[in-house]
C-alpha cells in the first residue's frame, strides 16, 4: 500500500514519479500496477530525497514523511491507473523494469503529446525503412 500525493505544479508535464523507500537505480523505468483494477503505467522513477522534501513540504501543502511507502504522482498517471485518489493509501505494485518494450511504453504513456507523437513517428519510420529495404533487395534480385 502506498500513500498517494499529488505532484507539484512544476512536475505535472513530466514523465516521472517520485517514490520513497524503493532504492531502484536512478532514473530507471518502473511499472506501476493498480492491484484493484489491473491498470498499468510505465514511467521514470525518481527517489524521494531531502531536496525534494524541502521543496514539497512547504506550507500550505501536506507534509510527507519519507519513512513511509509513498508515491508523488501527477494527475495524468493517476487517471491512467483508474483515477486513484490522493491523500489515501492505494494498493500499487511498483517494480523496476529494464527492457526496450518498457522504455517504449514509457514514451507512449508520457504526459506530453510531443513525446508520444515522436515515439509513434519513430516506429512508423522504422517500419517504412524495413519495407524499403525489403523492396530494394527484391528489386536487385
Protein backbone atom coordinates (compact mmCIF):
# COMPACT_ATOMS: atom_id res chain seq x y z
CA UNK A 1 0.00 0.00 0.00
CA UNK A 2 1.31 3.39 -1.00
CA UNK A 3 0.10 6.73 0.23
CA UNK A 4 -0.58 8.82 -2.88
CA UNK A 5 0.31 12.50 -3.11
CA UNK A 6 -0.30 14.92 -5.97
CA UNK A 7 2.69 16.08 -7.98
CA UNK A 8 3.78 19.68 -7.72
CA UNK A 9 2.74 22.09 -10.45
CA UNK A 10 6.27 22.08 -11.88
CA UNK A 11 6.14 18.28 -12.37
CA UNK A 12 2.72 17.79 -13.99
CA UNK A 13 4.08 17.63 -17.56
CA UNK A 14 7.00 15.33 -16.78
CA UNK A 15 7.14 11.60 -17.30
CA UNK A 16 8.36 10.65 -13.85
CA UNK A 17 7.03 9.91 -10.39
CA UNK A 18 8.69 10.29 -7.02
CA UNK A 19 8.73 7.16 -4.85
CA UNK A 20 10.07 6.73 -1.32
CA UNK A 21 11.94 3.71 0.03
CA UNK A 22 12.43 1.74 -3.18
CA UNK A 23 16.13 2.31 -3.93
CA UNK A 24 15.94 1.49 -7.62
CA UNK A 25 18.65 2.64 -9.99
CA UNK A 26 18.46 6.42 -10.53
CA UNK A 27 16.06 7.40 -13.32
CA UNK A 28 15.17 3.80 -14.07
CA UNK A 29 11.94 2.78 -15.75
CA UNK A 30 9.26 1.46 -13.43
CA UNK A 31 5.99 -0.34 -13.95
CA UNK A 32 3.17 0.75 -11.67
CA UNK A 33 0.19 -1.59 -11.44
CA UNK A 34 -3.02 -0.78 -9.64
CA UNK A 35 -3.84 -4.08 -7.93
CA UNK A 36 -7.51 -3.16 -7.59
CA UNK A 37 -8.23 -2.87 -11.33
CA UNK A 38 -5.12 -4.21 -13.10
CA UNK A 39 -4.33 -0.93 -14.90
CA UNK A 40 -0.64 -0.33 -15.60
CA UNK A 41 1.59 2.63 -16.43
CA UNK A 42 5.28 2.83 -17.22
CA UNK A 43 7.26 5.91 -16.26
CA UNK A 44 10.59 7.12 -14.98
CA UNK A 45 11.48 6.71 -11.30
CA UNK A 46 12.91 9.37 -9.01
CA UNK A 47 13.73 8.68 -5.37
CA UNK A 48 12.25 10.99 -2.74
CA UNK A 49 15.30 12.75 -1.28
CA UNK A 50 15.91 15.63 1.10
CA UNK A 51 15.98 18.25 -1.67
CA UNK A 52 12.59 17.07 -2.90
CA UNK A 53 11.21 17.08 0.65
CA UNK A 54 12.45 20.62 1.28
CA UNK A 55 10.56 21.80 -1.79
CA UNK A 56 7.42 19.67 -1.38
CA UNK A 57 6.86 20.19 2.35
CA UNK A 58 6.41 23.97 2.11
CA UNK A 59 3.15 25.26 3.51
CA UNK A 60 0.23 25.04 2.65
CA UNK A 61 0.90 21.56 1.19
CA UNK A 62 0.64 18.44 3.29
CA UNK A 63 3.90 17.33 4.84
CA UNK A 64 5.13 13.99 3.64
CA UNK A 65 7.19 11.56 5.66
CA UNK A 66 9.95 9.80 3.65
CA UNK A 67 9.91 6.86 6.07
CA UNK A 68 6.57 5.56 4.79
CA UNK A 69 5.68 3.97 1.47
CA UNK A 70 4.55 6.86 -0.67
CA UNK A 71 4.32 7.99 -4.26
CA UNK A 72 4.09 11.53 -5.60
CA UNK A 73 2.34 11.22 -8.94
CA UNK A 74 0.72 13.57 -11.44
CA UNK A 75 -2.96 13.57 -12.36
CA UNK A 76 -2.07 12.14 -15.81
CA UNK A 77 -0.74 8.91 -14.32
CA UNK A 78 -3.37 8.77 -11.55
CA UNK A 79 -6.13 8.85 -14.17
CA UNK A 80 -4.38 6.17 -16.26
CA UNK A 81 -4.25 3.98 -13.15
CA UNK A 82 -8.01 4.23 -12.72
CA UNK A 83 -8.42 7.74 -11.27
CA UNK A 84 -6.73 6.88 -7.99
CA UNK A 85 -7.32 9.41 -5.20
CA UNK A 86 -4.67 11.46 -3.44
CA UNK A 87 -4.13 11.60 0.33
CA UNK A 88 -5.17 7.96 0.61
CA UNK A 89 -3.44 4.60 0.55
CA UNK A 90 -3.77 2.65 -2.69
CA UNK A 91 -2.66 -0.92 -3.35
CA UNK A 92 0.03 -0.45 -6.01
CA UNK A 93 2.70 -2.82 -7.26
CA UNK A 94 5.85 -0.89 -8.27
CA UNK A 95 8.67 -2.74 -10.00
CA UNK A 96 11.82 -1.70 -11.80
CA UNK A 97 11.84 -2.88 -15.42
CA UNK A 98 14.69 -2.67 -17.90
CA UNK A 99 13.62 -3.61 -21.39
CA UNK A 100 13.21 -1.85 -24.69
CA UNK A 101 9.48 -2.57 -24.56
CA UNK A 102 9.19 -0.85 -21.15
CA UNK A 103 11.12 2.18 -22.44
CA UNK A 104 8.81 2.38 -25.45
CA UNK A 105 5.74 2.08 -23.21
CA UNK A 106 7.17 4.89 -21.07
CA UNK A 107 7.33 7.12 -24.13
CA UNK A 108 3.86 6.33 -25.46
CA UNK A 109 2.36 6.89 -21.97
CA UNK A 110 4.17 10.22 -21.46
CA UNK A 111 2.03 13.22 -20.45
CA UNK A 112 3.39 15.41 -23.26
CA UNK A 113 1.89 14.89 -26.70
CA UNK A 114 5.18 15.73 -28.41
CA UNK A 115 6.86 12.74 -26.74
CA UNK A 116 4.00 10.39 -27.62
CA UNK A 117 3.85 11.63 -31.21
CA UNK A 118 7.62 11.41 -31.78
CA UNK A 119 7.65 7.86 -30.41
CA UNK A 120 4.95 6.72 -32.80
CA UNK A 121 6.62 8.53 -35.72
CA UNK A 122 9.86 6.68 -34.89
CA UNK A 123 8.04 3.33 -35.02
CA UNK A 124 6.41 4.23 -38.34
CA UNK A 125 9.81 5.33 -39.72
CA UNK A 126 11.45 2.05 -38.73
CA UNK A 127 8.61 0.08 -40.33
CA UNK A 128 8.88 2.11 -43.54
CA UNK A 129 12.66 1.59 -43.53
CA UNK A 130 12.22 -2.17 -43.26
CA UNK A 131 9.68 -2.18 -46.09
CA UNK A 132 12.01 -0.02 -48.23
CA UNK A 133 14.94 -2.35 -47.55
CA UNK A 134 12.90 -5.43 -48.48
CA UNK A 135 11.64 -3.79 -51.67
CA UNK A 136 15.21 -2.74 -52.54
CA UNK A 137 16.50 -6.28 -52.08
CA UNK A 138 13.63 -7.66 -54.18
CA UNK A 139 14.34 -5.18 -57.00
CA UNK A 140 18.05 -6.12 -57.08
CA UNK A 141 17.29 -9.85 -57.11
